[in-house]
C-alpha atoms as a PDB file:
ATOM      1  CA  UNK A   1      25.699  15.454  33.193  1.00  0.00           C
ATOM      2  CA  UNK A   2      28.662  14.152  33.949  1.00  0.00           C
ATOM      3  CA  UNK A   3      31.032  16.499  31.619  1.00  0.00           C
ATOM      4  CA  UNK A   4      32.153  19.017  34.190  1.00  0.00           C
ATOM      5  CA  UNK A   5      33.291  16.299  36.623  1.00  0.00           C
ATOM      6  CA  UNK A   6      35.475  14.293  33.807  1.00  0.00           C
ATOM      7  CA  UNK A   7      38.958  15.145  33.108  1.00  0.00           C
ATOM      8  CA  UNK A   8      41.311  13.053  30.646  1.00  0.00           C
ATOM      9  CA  UNK A   9      44.741  12.805  31.024  1.00  0.00           C
ATOM     10  CA  UNK A  10      46.948  11.494  28.628  1.00  0.00           C
ATOM     11  CA  UNK A  11      49.296   8.445  29.631  1.00  0.00           C
ATOM     12  CA  UNK A  12      50.944   5.965  27.376  1.00  0.00           C
ATOM     13  CA  UNK A  13      50.285   2.171  27.938  1.00  0.00           C
ATOM     14  CA  UNK A  14      54.330   1.879  29.011  1.00  0.00           C
ATOM     15  CA  UNK A  15      54.303   5.297  30.723  1.00  0.00           C
ATOM     16  CA  UNK A  16      54.472   5.766  34.773  1.00  0.00           C
ATOM     17  CA  UNK A  17      50.792   6.745  35.922  1.00  0.00           C
ATOM     18  CA  UNK A  18      50.922  10.592  37.091  1.00  0.00           C
ATOM     19  CA  UNK A  19      49.497   9.847  40.693  1.00  0.00           C
ATOM     20  CA  UNK A  20      49.709  13.285  41.719  1.00  0.00           C
ATOM     21  CA  UNK A  21      47.298  14.489  38.909  1.00  0.00           C
ATOM     22  CA  UNK A  22      44.952  10.856  39.686  1.00  0.00           C
ATOM     23  CA  UNK A  23      44.896  11.973  43.399  1.00  0.00           C
ATOM     24  CA  UNK A  24      41.970  13.938  43.666  1.00  0.00           C
ATOM     25  CA  UNK A  25      39.632  11.379  41.669  1.00  0.00           C
ATOM     26  CA  UNK A  26      36.934   8.954  43.002  1.00  0.00           C
ATOM     27  CA  UNK A  27      37.304   6.797  39.847  1.00  0.00           C
ATOM     28  CA  UNK A  28      39.636   6.165  37.291  1.00  0.00           C
ATOM     29  CA  UNK A  29      38.927   4.518  34.216  1.00  0.00           C
ATOM     30  CA  UNK A  30      42.046   3.014  32.761  1.00  0.00           C
ATOM     31  CA  UNK A  31      42.977   1.136  29.417  1.00  0.00           C
ATOM     32  CA  UNK A  32      44.478  -2.100  30.265  1.00  0.00           C
ATOM     33  CA  UNK A  33      47.098  -4.436  27.658  1.00  0.00           C
ATOM     34  CA  UNK A  34      47.234  -7.935  29.248  1.00  0.00           C
ATOM     35  CA  UNK A  35      50.331  -8.318  26.973  1.00  0.00           C
ATOM     36  CA  UNK A  36      52.241  -5.459  29.057  1.00  0.00           C
ATOM     37  CA  UNK A  37      53.626  -6.173  32.657  1.00  0.00           C
ATOM     38  CA  UNK A  38      53.837  -2.436  33.016  1.00  0.00           C
ATOM     39  CA  UNK A  39      50.222  -1.875  31.943  1.00  0.00           C
ATOM     40  CA  UNK A  40      49.061  -4.425  34.778  1.00  0.00           C
ATOM     41  CA  UNK A  41      51.574  -3.341  37.594  1.00  0.00           C
ATOM     42  CA  UNK A  42      50.024   0.181  37.026  1.00  0.00           C
ATOM     43  CA  UNK A  43      46.847  -1.226  38.232  1.00  0.00           C
ATOM     44  CA  UNK A  44      48.098  -2.506  41.740  1.00  0.00           C
ATOM     45  CA  UNK A  45      50.152   0.768  41.879  1.00  0.00           C
ATOM     46  CA  UNK A  46      47.126   2.922  41.410  1.00  0.00           C
ATOM     47  CA  UNK A  47      45.490   0.763  44.173  1.00  0.00           C
ATOM     48  CA  UNK A  48      48.398   0.703  46.533  1.00  0.00           C
ATOM     49  CA  UNK A  49      48.530   4.382  46.461  1.00  0.00           C
ATOM     50  CA  UNK A  50      44.989   5.808  45.994  1.00  0.00           C
ATOM     51  CA  UNK A  51      42.954   3.118  48.089  1.00  0.00           C
ATOM     52  CA  UNK A  52      39.636   4.720  47.923  1.00  0.00           C
ATOM     53  CA  UNK A  53      39.982   5.655  44.374  1.00  0.00           C
ATOM     54  CA  UNK A  54      37.797   2.793  42.348  1.00  0.00           C
ATOM     55  CA  UNK A  55      39.186   1.696  38.831  1.00  0.00           C
ATOM     56  CA  UNK A  56      37.322   0.689  35.684  1.00  0.00           C
ATOM     57  CA  UNK A  57      39.382  -1.228  33.242  1.00  0.00           C
ATOM     58  CA  UNK A  58      39.247  -0.696  29.698  1.00  0.00           C
ATOM     59  CA  UNK A  59      40.088  -3.657  27.733  1.00  0.00           C
ATOM     60  CA  UNK A  60      40.287  -4.574  24.123  1.00  0.00           C
ATOM     61  CA  UNK A  61      39.720  -8.297  24.334  1.00  0.00           C
ATOM     62  CA  UNK A  62      37.946  -9.405  27.409  1.00  0.00           C
ATOM     63  CA  UNK A  63      38.149 -13.182  28.480  1.00  0.00           C
ATOM     64  CA  UNK A  64      37.813 -14.743  31.805  1.00  0.00           C
ATOM     65  CA  UNK A  65      41.080 -15.094  32.760  1.00  0.00           C
ATOM     66  CA  UNK A  66      42.229 -11.460  32.442  1.00  0.00           C
ATOM     67  CA  UNK A  67      39.150 -10.572  34.199  1.00  0.00           C
ATOM     68  CA  UNK A  68      39.767 -12.596  36.946  1.00  0.00           C
ATOM     69  CA  UNK A  69      42.874 -11.217  37.061  1.00  0.00           C
ATOM     70  CA  UNK A  70      42.150  -7.578  36.998  1.00  0.00           C
ATOM     71  CA  UNK A  71      39.268  -8.179  39.635  1.00  0.00           C
ATOM     72  CA  UNK A  72      41.874  -9.743  42.413  1.00  0.00           C
ATOM     73  CA  UNK A  73      43.937  -6.483  41.732  1.00  0.00           C
ATOM     74  CA  UNK A  74      40.988  -4.540  43.000  1.00  0.00           C
ATOM     75  CA  UNK A  75      39.699  -3.176  39.642  1.00  0.00           C
ATOM     76  CA  UNK A  76      35.897  -2.499  40.374  1.00  0.00           C
ATOM     77  CA  UNK A  77      34.484  -3.049  36.969  1.00  0.00           C
ATOM     78  CA  UNK A  78      35.365  -4.033  33.295  1.00  0.00           C
ATOM     79  CA  UNK A  79      34.576  -2.536  30.179  1.00  0.00           C
ATOM     80  CA  UNK A  80      35.480  -3.478  26.471  1.00  0.00           C
ATOM     81  CA  UNK A  81      37.054  -1.081  24.148  1.00  0.00           C
ATOM     82  CA  UNK A  82      36.310   0.563  21.851  1.00  0.00           C
ATOM     83  CA  UNK A  83      33.354   1.425  24.904  1.00  0.00           C
ATOM     84  CA  UNK A  84      30.287   3.545  23.619  1.00  0.00           C
ATOM     85  CA  UNK A  85      29.550   6.235  25.604  1.00  0.00           C
ATOM     86  CA  UNK A  86      26.324   4.502  27.228  1.00  0.00           C
ATOM     87  CA  UNK A  87      28.638   1.636  28.230  1.00  0.00           C
ATOM     88  CA  UNK A  88      31.181   3.853  30.233  1.00  0.00           C
ATOM     89  CA  UNK A  89      28.384   6.175  31.598  1.00  0.00           C
ATOM     90  CA  UNK A  90      26.531   2.949  32.910  1.00  0.00           C
ATOM     91  CA  UNK A  91      29.940   1.707  34.439  1.00  0.00           C
ATOM     92  CA  UNK A  92      30.657   4.769  36.301  1.00  0.00           C
ATOM     93  CA  UNK A  93      27.184   4.998  37.698  1.00  0.00           C
ATOM     94  CA  UNK A  94      27.393   1.684  38.589  1.00  0.00           C
ATOM     95  CA  UNK A  95      30.784   2.001  40.352  1.00  0.00           C
ATOM     96  CA  UNK A  96      29.564   5.378  42.027  1.00  0.00           C
ATOM     97  CA  UNK A  97      26.579   3.269  43.372  1.00  0.00           C
ATOM     98  CA  UNK A  98      28.748   0.753  45.232  1.00  0.00           C
ATOM     99  CA  UNK A  99      30.769   3.610  47.085  1.00  0.00           C
ATOM    100  CA  UNK A 100      30.316   4.468  50.299  1.00  0.00           C
ATOM    101  CA  UNK A 101      29.446   8.228  50.766  1.00  0.00           C
ATOM    102  CA  UNK A 102      30.465   8.366  54.364  1.00  0.00           C
ATOM    103  CA  UNK A 103      33.836   6.557  53.358  1.00  0.00           C
ATOM    104  CA  UNK A 104      34.354   9.005  50.448  1.00  0.00           C
ATOM    105  CA  UNK A 105      33.894  11.689  52.901  1.00  0.00           C
ATOM    106  CA  UNK A 106      36.465  10.697  55.353  1.00  0.00           C
ATOM    107  CA  UNK A 107      38.957   9.928  52.958  1.00  0.00           C
ATOM    108  CA  UNK A 108      38.736  13.210  50.904  1.00  0.00           C
ATOM    109  CA  UNK A 109      42.098  14.813  50.366  1.00  0.00           C
ATOM    110  CA  UNK A 110      43.086  18.041  52.362  1.00  0.00           C
ATOM    111  CA  UNK A 111      44.339  21.076  50.678  1.00  0.00           C
ATOM    112  CA  UNK A 112      48.398  20.713  50.055  1.00  0.00           C
ATOM    113  CA  UNK A 113      50.350  23.637  49.844  1.00  0.00           C
ATOM    114  CA  UNK A 114      54.129  23.932  49.169  1.00  0.00           C
ATOM    115  CA  UNK A 115      56.568  26.791  50.194  1.00  0.00           C
ATOM    116  CA  UNK A 116      59.241  27.744  48.228  1.00  0.00           C
ATOM    117  CA  UNK A 117      62.226  30.214  49.481  1.00  0.00           C
ATOM    118  CA  UNK A 118      63.389  32.664  47.230  1.00  0.00           C
ATOM    119  CA  UNK A 119      66.701  32.725  48.983  1.00  0.00           C
ATOM    120  CA  UNK A 120      68.544  32.261  52.328  1.00  0.00           C
ATOM    121  CA  UNK A 121      67.413  33.956  55.471  1.00  0.00           C
ATOM    122  CA  UNK A 122      63.734  34.730  53.819  1.00  0.00           C
ATOM    123  CA  UNK A 123      61.885  33.552  56.541  1.00  0.00           C
ATOM    124  CA  UNK A 124      60.099  30.714  55.221  1.00  0.00           C
ATOM    125  CA  UNK A 125      60.203  28.089  57.793  1.00  0.00           C
ATOM    126  CA  UNK A 126      58.876  31.146  60.050  1.00  0.00           C
ATOM    127  CA  UNK A 127      55.881  31.783  57.857  1.00  0.00           C
ATOM    128  CA  UNK A 128      55.265  28.110  57.485  1.00  0.00           C
ATOM    129  CA  UNK A 129      55.052  27.351  61.053  1.00  0.00           C
ATOM    130  CA  UNK A 130      52.843  30.384  61.892  1.00  0.00           C
ATOM    131  CA  UNK A 131      50.634  30.001  58.866  1.00  0.00           C
ATOM    132  CA  UNK A 132      49.984  26.223  59.593  1.00  0.00           C
ATOM    133  CA  UNK A 133      48.842  27.149  63.203  1.00  0.00           C
ATOM    134  CA  UNK A 134      46.436  29.938  61.596  1.00  0.00           C
ATOM    135  CA  UNK A 135      44.753  27.629  59.274  1.00  0.00           C
ATOM    136  CA  UNK A 136      44.170  24.751  61.331  1.00  0.00           C
ATOM    137  CA  UNK A 137      42.818  27.392  63.761  1.00  0.00           C
ATOM    138  CA  UNK A 138      40.821  29.318  61.290  1.00  0.00           C
ATOM    139  CA  UNK A 139      39.272  25.965  60.354  1.00  0.00           C
ATOM    140  CA  UNK A 140      37.283  25.191  63.496  1.00  0.00           C
ATOM    141  CA  UNK A 141      37.466  23.216  66.518  1.00  0.00           C
ATOM    142  CA  UNK A 142      39.508  20.108  66.124  1.00  0.00           C
ATOM    143  CA  UNK A 143      41.175  20.725  62.800  1.00  0.00           C
ATOM    144  CA  UNK A 144      44.640  19.932  62.537  1.00  0.00           C
ATOM    145  CA  UNK A 145      47.320  20.969  60.300  1.00  0.00           C
ATOM    146  CA  UNK A 146      50.476  18.612  59.047  1.00  0.00           C
ATOM    147  CA  UNK A 147      53.721  20.301  57.832  1.00  0.00           C
ATOM    148  CA  UNK A 148      56.405  17.865  55.879  1.00  0.00           C
ATOM    149  CA  UNK A 149      59.846  18.979  56.159  1.00  0.00           C
ATOM    150  CA  UNK A 150      61.049  18.228  52.863  1.00  0.00           C
ATOM    151  CA  UNK A 151      64.273  20.508  53.474  1.00  0.00           C
ATOM    152  CA  UNK A 152      66.212  16.974  54.029  1.00  0.00           C
ATOM    153  CA  UNK A 153      69.252  18.459  54.463  1.00  0.00           C
ATOM    154  CA  UNK A 154      68.707  21.513  56.257  1.00  0.00           C
ATOM    155  CA  UNK A 155      65.439  21.597  57.577  1.00  0.00           C
ATOM    156  CA  UNK A 156      64.734  22.902  60.891  1.00  0.00           C
ATOM    157  CA  UNK A 157      60.947  23.236  61.218  1.00  0.00           C
ATOM    158  CA  UNK A 158      61.229  20.721  64.383  1.00  0.00           C
ATOM    159  CA  UNK A 159      63.454  23.080  66.116  1.00  0.00           C
ATOM    160  CA  UNK A 160      61.295  26.000  65.451  1.00  0.00           C
ATOM    161  CA  UNK A 161      58.435  24.456  67.173  1.00  0.00           C
ATOM    162  CA  UNK A 162      60.442  22.810  69.762  1.00  0.00           C
ATOM    163  CA  UNK A 163      59.279  18.959  68.620  1.00  0.00           C
ATOM    164  CA  UNK A 164      60.936  16.160  69.682  1.00  0.00           C
ATOM    165  CA  UNK A 165      61.353  13.531  66.375  1.00  0.00           C
ATOM    166  CA  UNK A 166      62.364  10.138  67.248  1.00  0.00           C
ATOM    167  CA  UNK A 167      61.500   8.823  63.674  1.00  0.00           C
ATOM    168  CA  UNK A 168      61.623  11.176  60.327  1.00  0.00           C
ATOM    169  CA  UNK A 169      60.275  11.312  57.040  1.00  0.00           C
ATOM    170  CA  UNK A 170      63.091   8.695  55.815  1.00  0.00           C
ATOM    171  CA  UNK A 171      60.752   5.937  58.243  1.00  0.00           C
ATOM    172  CA  UNK A 172      58.122   6.768  55.781  1.00  0.00           C
ATOM    173  CA  UNK A 173      59.532   6.870  52.494  1.00  0.00           C
ATOM    174  CA  UNK A 174      61.362   3.251  53.375  1.00  0.00           C
ATOM    175  CA  UNK A 175      58.266   1.577  54.364  1.00  0.00           C
ATOM    176  CA  UNK A 176      56.953   0.692  51.048  1.00  0.00           C
ATOM    177  CA  UNK A 177      53.972  -1.032  50.930  1.00  0.00           C
ATOM    178  CA  UNK A 178      53.917  -1.142  54.885  1.00  0.00           C
ATOM    179  CA  UNK A 179      53.165   3.095  54.754  1.00  0.00           C
ATOM    180  CA  UNK A 180      49.702   3.212  56.512  1.00  0.00           C
ATOM    181  CA  UNK A 181      47.979   5.556  58.790  1.00  0.00           C
ATOM    182  CA  UNK A 182      49.473   4.007  62.108  1.00  0.00           C
ATOM    183  CA  UNK A 183      52.751   4.255  60.469  1.00  0.00           C
ATOM    184  CA  UNK A 184      52.239   7.701  59.936  1.00  0.00           C
ATOM    185  CA  UNK A 185      50.959   8.920  63.184  1.00  0.00           C
ATOM    186  CA  UNK A 186      53.969   7.201  64.695  1.00  0.00           C
ATOM    187  CA  UNK A 187      56.239   9.280  62.680  1.00  0.00           C
ATOM    188  CA  UNK A 188      54.950  12.287  63.080  1.00  0.00           C
ATOM    189  CA  UNK A 189      55.524  14.849  66.397  1.00  0.00           C
ATOM    190  CA  UNK A 190      53.655  17.354  68.099  1.00  0.00           C
ATOM    191  CA  UNK A 191      55.217  20.861  67.212  1.00  0.00           C
ATOM    192  CA  UNK A 192      52.031  22.871  68.556  1.00  0.00           C
ATOM    193  CA  UNK A 193      48.524  22.321  69.853  1.00  0.00           C
ATOM    194  CA  UNK A 194      47.185  22.163  66.240  1.00  0.00           C
ATOM    195  CA  UNK A 195      50.205  21.539  64.178  1.00  0.00           C
ATOM    196  CA  UNK A 196      52.206  17.901  63.964  1.00  0.00           C
ATOM    197  CA  UNK A 197      55.586  17.783  62.027  1.00  0.00           C
ATOM    198  CA  UNK A 198      56.879  15.130  59.678  1.00  0.00           C
ATOM    199  CA  UNK A 199      60.693  15.880  60.329  1.00  0.00           C
ATOM    200  CA  UNK A 200      63.735  15.422  57.534  1.00  0.00           C
ATOM    201  CA  UNK A 201      66.361  12.667  58.334  1.00  0.00           C
ATOM    202  CA  UNK A 202      68.819  13.910  61.352  1.00  0.00           C
ATOM    203  CA  UNK A 203      71.866  12.448  58.911  1.00  0.00           C
ATOM    204  CA  UNK A 204      72.712  14.320  56.077  1.00  0.00           C
ATOM    205  CA  UNK A 205      71.439  11.885  52.285  1.00  0.00           C
ATOM    206  CA  UNK A 206      71.681  13.038  49.000  1.00  0.00           C
ATOM    207  CA  UNK A 207      69.065  15.559  47.996  1.00  0.00           C
ATOM    208  CA  UNK A 208      68.409  13.251  44.800  1.00  0.00           C
ATOM    209  CA  UNK A 209      67.752  10.043  47.117  1.00  0.00           C
ATOM    210  CA  UNK A 210      63.912  11.144  47.264  1.00  0.00           C
ATOM    211  CA  UNK A 211      61.368   8.700  45.545  1.00  0.00           C
ATOM    212  CA  UNK A 212      58.943  10.791  44.299  1.00  0.00           C
ATOM    213  CA  UNK A 213      56.421   8.035  43.804  1.00  0.00           C
ATOM    214  CA  UNK A 214      56.499   7.165  47.535  1.00  0.00           C
ATOM    215  CA  UNK A 215      56.740  10.618  48.944  1.00  0.00           C
ATOM    216  CA  UNK A 216      53.661  11.186  47.042  1.00  0.00           C
ATOM    217  CA  UNK A 217      52.037   7.994  48.854  1.00  0.00           C
ATOM    218  CA  UNK A 218      52.991   9.398  52.234  1.00  0.00           C
ATOM    219  CA  UNK A 219      51.664  13.253  51.253  1.00  0.00           C
ATOM    220  CA  UNK A 220      48.394  11.800  50.158  1.00  0.00           C
ATOM    221  CA  UNK A 221      48.282   9.661  53.390  1.00  0.00           C
ATOM    222  CA  UNK A 222      49.032  12.519  55.555  1.00  0.00           C
ATOM    223  CA  UNK A 223      45.921  14.658  53.171  1.00  0.00           C
ATOM    224  CA  UNK A 224      43.605  11.833  54.076  1.00  0.00           C
ATOM    225  CA  UNK A 225      44.631  12.297  57.888  1.00  0.00           C
ATOM    226  CA  UNK A 226      44.770  16.078  58.599  1.00  0.00           C
ATOM    227  CA  UNK A 227      42.907  18.821  57.692  1.00  0.00           C
ATOM    228  CA  UNK A 228      45.722  20.998  55.904  1.00  0.00           C
ATOM    229  CA  UNK A 229      48.905  19.688  54.759  1.00  0.00           C
ATOM    230  CA  UNK A 230      52.202  21.968  54.046  1.00  0.00           C
ATOM    231  CA  UNK A 231      55.358  21.030  52.748  1.00  0.00           C
ATOM    232  CA  UNK A 232      58.753  23.066  53.267  1.00  0.00           C
ATOM    233  CA  UNK A 233      61.088  22.695  50.086  1.00  0.00           C
ATOM    234  CA  UNK A 234      64.796  22.763  49.604  1.00  0.00           C
ATOM    235  CA  UNK A 235      66.128  25.718  48.405  1.00  0.00           C
ATOM    236  CA  UNK A 236      67.176  24.005  45.374  1.00  0.00           C
ATOM    237  CA  UNK A 237      64.970  22.146  42.689  1.00  0.00           C
ATOM    238  CA  UNK A 238      65.148  18.470  42.255  1.00  0.00           C
ATOM    239  CA  UNK A 239      62.985  16.655  39.902  1.00  0.00           C
ATOM    240  CA  UNK A 240      60.987  15.427  42.885  1.00  0.00           C
ATOM    241  CA  UNK A 241      60.833  19.022  44.303  1.00  0.00           C
ATOM    242  CA  UNK A 242      59.463  20.275  40.993  1.00  0.00           C
ATOM    243  CA  UNK A 243      56.787  17.452  40.962  1.00  0.00           C
ATOM    244  CA  UNK A 244      55.790  18.050  44.235  1.00  0.00           C
ATOM    245  CA  UNK A 245      54.978  21.845  43.356  1.00  0.00           C
ATOM    246  CA  UNK A 246      52.979  20.461  40.272  1.00  0.00           C
ATOM    247  CA  UNK A 247      51.052  18.177  42.493  1.00  0.00           C
ATOM    248  CA  UNK A 248      50.106  21.012  45.186  1.00  0.00           C
ATOM    249  CA  UNK A 249      47.109  22.964  45.346  1.00  0.00           C
ATOM    250  CA  UNK A 250      48.944  26.326  45.596  1.00  0.00           C
ATOM    251  CA  UNK A 251      52.521  27.198  45.945  1.00  0.00           C
ATOM    252  CA  UNK A 252      53.697  30.151  48.298  1.00  0.00           C
ATOM    253  CA  UNK A 253      57.025  31.740  47.184  1.00  0.00           C
ATOM    254  CA  UNK A 254      58.347  33.953  50.455  1.00  0.00           C
ATOM    255  CA  UNK A 255      61.026  36.376  49.521  1.00  0.00           C
ATOM    256  CA  UNK A 256      62.100  39.999  51.098  1.00  0.00           C
ATOM    257  CA  UNK A 257      62.031  43.431  49.851  1.00  0.00           C
ATOM    258  CA  UNK A 258      66.045  43.276  48.630  1.00  0.00           C
ATOM    259  CA  UNK A 259      67.451  43.013  45.430  1.00  0.00           C
ATOM    260  CA  UNK A 260      68.668  39.848  45.532  1.00  0.00           C
ATOM    261  CA  UNK A 261      65.688  38.242  47.041  1.00  0.00           C
ATOM    262  CA  UNK A 262      63.749  39.549  44.423  1.00  0.00           C
ATOM    263  CA  UNK A 263      66.221  38.744  41.307  1.00  0.00           C
ATOM    264  CA  UNK A 264      66.076  34.887  42.705  1.00  0.00           C
ATOM    265  CA  UNK A 265      62.131  34.764  42.764  1.00  0.00           C
ATOM    266  CA  UNK A 266      61.882  36.378  39.293  1.00  0.00           C
ATOM    267  CA  UNK A 267      64.322  33.326  38.092  1.00  0.00           C
ATOM    268  CA  UNK A 268      62.380  31.270  39.861  1.00  0.00           C
ATOM    269  CA  UNK A 269      59.078  32.078  38.922  1.00  0.00           C
ATOM    270  CA  UNK A 270      60.064  32.322  35.198  1.00  0.00           C
ATOM    271  CA  UNK A 271      61.308  28.323  35.726  1.00  0.00           C
ATOM    272  CA  UNK A 272      58.360  27.310  37.762  1.00  0.00           C
ATOM    273  CA  UNK A 273      56.104  28.616  34.490  1.00  0.00           C
ATOM    274  CA  UNK A 274      58.457  27.194  31.974  1.00  0.00           C
ATOM    275  CA  UNK A 275      58.107  23.858  33.709  1.00  0.00           C
ATOM    276  CA  UNK A 276      54.196  24.137  33.074  1.00  0.00           C
ATOM    277  CA  UNK A 277      53.201  25.096  36.778  1.00  0.00           C
ATOM    278  CA  UNK A 278      50.158  27.427  36.329  1.00  0.00           C
ATOM    279  CA  UNK A 279      51.245  30.934  37.279  1.00  0.00           C
ATOM    280  CA  UNK A 280      48.039  31.691  39.007  1.00  0.00           C
ATOM    281  CA  UNK A 281      48.824  28.685  41.667  1.00  0.00           C
ATOM    282  CA  UNK A 282      52.215  30.537  42.663  1.00  0.00           C
ATOM    283  CA  UNK A 283      51.614  33.116  45.123  1.00  0.00           C
ATOM    284  CA  UNK A 284      54.312  35.699  46.171  1.00  0.00           C
ATOM    285  CA  UNK A 285      54.447  36.541  49.593  1.00  0.00           C
ATOM    286  CA  UNK A 286      56.902  39.524  50.980  1.00  0.00           C
ATOM    287  CA  UNK A 287      58.705  38.645  54.466  1.00  0.00           C
ATOM    288  CA  UNK A 288      60.278  40.827  56.905  1.00  0.00           C
ATOM    289  CA  UNK A 289      58.804  44.167  55.585  1.00  0.00           C
ATOM    290  CA  UNK A 290      59.782  47.254  57.642  1.00  0.00           C
ATOM    291  CA  UNK A 291      57.305  49.663  58.640  1.00  0.00           C
ATOM    292  CA  UNK A 292      59.321  53.114  57.643  1.00  0.00           C
ATOM    293  CA  UNK A 293      57.666  55.823  55.874  1.00  0.00           C
ATOM    294  CA  UNK A 294      60.290  56.176  53.211  1.00  0.00           C
ATOM    295  CA  UNK A 295      61.475  52.907  51.692  1.00  0.00           C
ATOM    296  CA  UNK A 296      63.611  52.471  48.345  1.00  0.00           C
ATOM    297  CA  UNK A 297      61.489  49.566  47.471  1.00  0.00           C
ATOM    298  CA  UNK A 298      57.623  48.854  48.270  1.00  0.00           C
ATOM    299  CA  UNK A 299      55.642  45.747  47.128  1.00  0.00           C
ATOM    300  CA  UNK A 300      54.319  47.704  43.868  1.00  0.00           C
ATOM    301  CA  UNK A 301      58.016  47.744  42.639  1.00  0.00           C
ATOM    302  CA  UNK A 302      58.383  44.407  43.392  1.00  0.00           C
ATOM    303  CA  UNK A 303      55.297  43.226  41.243  1.00  0.00           C
ATOM    304  CA  UNK A 304      56.623  45.646  38.295  1.00  0.00           C
ATOM    305  CA  UNK A 305      60.145  43.491  38.990  1.00  0.00           C
ATOM    306  CA  UNK A 306      58.649  40.380  39.296  1.00  0.00           C
ATOM    307  CA  UNK A 307      55.844  41.030  36.496  1.00  0.00           C
ATOM    308  CA  UNK A 308      53.868  38.899  38.845  1.00  0.00           C
ATOM    309  CA  UNK A 309      51.298  40.015  41.702  1.00  0.00           C
ATOM    310  CA  UNK A 310      52.235  39.855  45.397  1.00  0.00           C
ATOM    311  CA  UNK A 311      49.663  38.231  47.889  1.00  0.00           C
ATOM    312  CA  UNK A 312      50.461  40.326  50.931  1.00  0.00           C
ATOM    313  CA  UNK A 313      53.695  41.057  53.098  1.00  0.00           C
ATOM    314  CA  UNK A 314      54.346  40.431  56.590  1.00  0.00           C
ATOM    315  CA  UNK A 315      55.921  43.050  58.898  1.00  0.00           C
ATOM    316  CA  UNK A 316      59.175  42.585  60.469  1.00  0.00           C
ATOM    317  CA  UNK A 317      59.533  41.384  64.026  1.00  0.00           C
ATOM    318  CA  UNK A 318      62.783  39.681  64.575  1.00  0.00           C
ATOM    319  CA  UNK A 319      63.170  40.437  68.094  1.00  0.00           C
ATOM    320  CA  UNK A 320      59.832  38.762  69.254  1.00  0.00           C
ATOM    321  CA  UNK A 321      60.149  35.847  66.612  1.00  0.00           C
ATOM    322  CA  UNK A 322      63.710  35.257  67.688  1.00  0.00           C
ATOM    323  CA  UNK A 323      62.696  34.766  71.427  1.00  0.00           C
ATOM    324  CA  UNK A 324      59.740  32.766  70.205  1.00  0.00           C
ATOM    325  CA  UNK A 325      61.837  30.499  68.085  1.00  0.00           C
ATOM    326  CA  UNK A 326      64.505  29.874  70.936  1.00  0.00           C
ATOM    327  CA  UNK A 327      61.937  28.771  73.438  1.00  0.00           C
ATOM    328  CA  UNK A 328      60.462  26.492  70.123  1.00  0.00           C
ATOM    329  CA  UNK A 329      57.366  28.551  70.102  1.00  0.00           C
ATOM    330  CA  UNK A 330      55.352  30.654  67.957  1.00  0.00           C
ATOM    331  CA  UNK A 331      55.392  34.464  68.127  1.00  0.00           C
ATOM    332  CA  UNK A 332      51.802  34.225  70.054  1.00  0.00           C
ATOM    333  CA  UNK A 333      53.529  33.289  72.843  1.00  0.00           C
ATOM    334  CA  UNK A 334      55.827  35.937  73.857  1.00  0.00           C
ATOM    335  CA  UNK A 335      53.954  38.608  72.030  1.00  0.00           C
ATOM    336  CA  UNK A 336      49.998  38.071  72.365  1.00  0.00           C
ATOM    337  CA  UNK A 337      49.404  40.990  70.065  1.00  0.00           C
ATOM    338  CA  UNK A 338      51.873  41.632  67.185  1.00  0.00           C
ATOM    339  CA  UNK A 339      51.791  43.320  63.724  1.00  0.00           C
ATOM    340  CA  UNK A 340      53.424  40.105  62.362  1.00  0.00           C
ATOM    341  CA  UNK A 341      50.470  37.946  63.933  1.00  0.00           C
ATOM    342  CA  UNK A 342      48.296  40.264  62.304  1.00  0.00           C
ATOM    343  CA  UNK A 343      49.620  40.024  58.794  1.00  0.00           C
ATOM    344  CA  UNK A 344      49.497  36.114  59.480  1.00  0.00           C
ATOM    345  CA  UNK A 345      45.998  36.122  60.062  1.00  0.00           C
ATOM    346  CA  UNK A 346      45.247  37.736  56.646  1.00  0.00           C
ATOM    347  CA  UNK A 347      47.825  35.571  54.923  1.00  0.00           C
ATOM    348  CA  UNK A 348      45.672  32.530  56.401  1.00  0.00           C
ATOM    349  CA  UNK A 349      42.658  34.448  54.743  1.00  0.00           C
ATOM    350  CA  UNK A 350      43.954  34.958  51.532  1.00  0.00           C
ATOM    351  CA  UNK A 351      45.292  31.533  51.393  1.00  0.00           C
ATOM    352  CA  UNK A 352      42.288  29.728  52.397  1.00  0.00           C
ATOM    353  CA  UNK A 353      40.406  31.737  49.523  1.00  0.00           C
ATOM    354  CA  UNK A 354      43.068  30.840  47.318  1.00  0.00           C
ATOM    355  CA  UNK A 355      42.644  27.326  47.918  1.00  0.00           C
ATOM    356  CA  UNK A 356      38.991  27.629  47.167  1.00  0.00           C
ATOM    357  CA  UNK A 357      39.605  28.872  43.934  1.00  0.00           C
ATOM    358  CA  UNK A 358      42.183  26.178  43.038  1.00  0.00           C
ATOM    359  CA  UNK A 359      38.981  23.464  43.657  1.00  0.00           C
END
């Protein structure tokens, strides 16, 4: 009966834990070698980064001293290795029975979307800010989105929404074990009635200075507090940004109907797929599409060039968008009805459907 709910993840004793892969779990069963310092430290890291996840430890030799040590580190149960199927299922069922369903419901992870720009000027930040507000609106009353601006050297999400941020992402990344929901709330600034923003640092920092494990703690914390989390990524791929794409439920690649943009988008798609990102989790959105009767390139041509389906297109509305962004607002503030806003509503529905499929 548990078969459809169990996922096996290969991980050697001395390897780092794949926190991103474990973030959606309710219970993690993990082999522990008391002779390995790394093996024991992984338990502490797992409990610190995913506090609501219950941990069952598998031990080759179960002794009182090691058992006490593991229980002090927050392990829920211990099973002897090699275990029988009955023993494992009994441990899982007993651990699940001790979990508070209301707590689990409150700590369920919100959807997580990354936004990738094919080329500078594609308008990915414009799409991201409007999509965040639209999806929070569509989720119903009281729902709220969080945008984490990971374009740490040139991100301007806060400026687009007129937000004033005293603290930044770096305050969360440098918090270490002090990271909690209260600190995250203090860093997040309101950019819209339905959207909070975690801004990049005001000073330029080396793009490789981000610690992915701590970043995942921040993202996971945000996913437990908000109803949807969207991340704006830098133009260049790094080890941590690529890992962030891998950890996301889906990714949106924003491009335009121009030869340079399509060329870059094709290279990015090929690279992401070659690095093991499932192709069906990457969705192409073409922005700034002019409403002309005769076009040199259309979305079907783009699909052929990319060898990848186009999720949807967004109409060009440069004048209204620039006027709104100059005021730090969304397009609805200057033009209640526009083709672009209708396209964003459609995109919100499509993204919601893809997130449902990704579960």
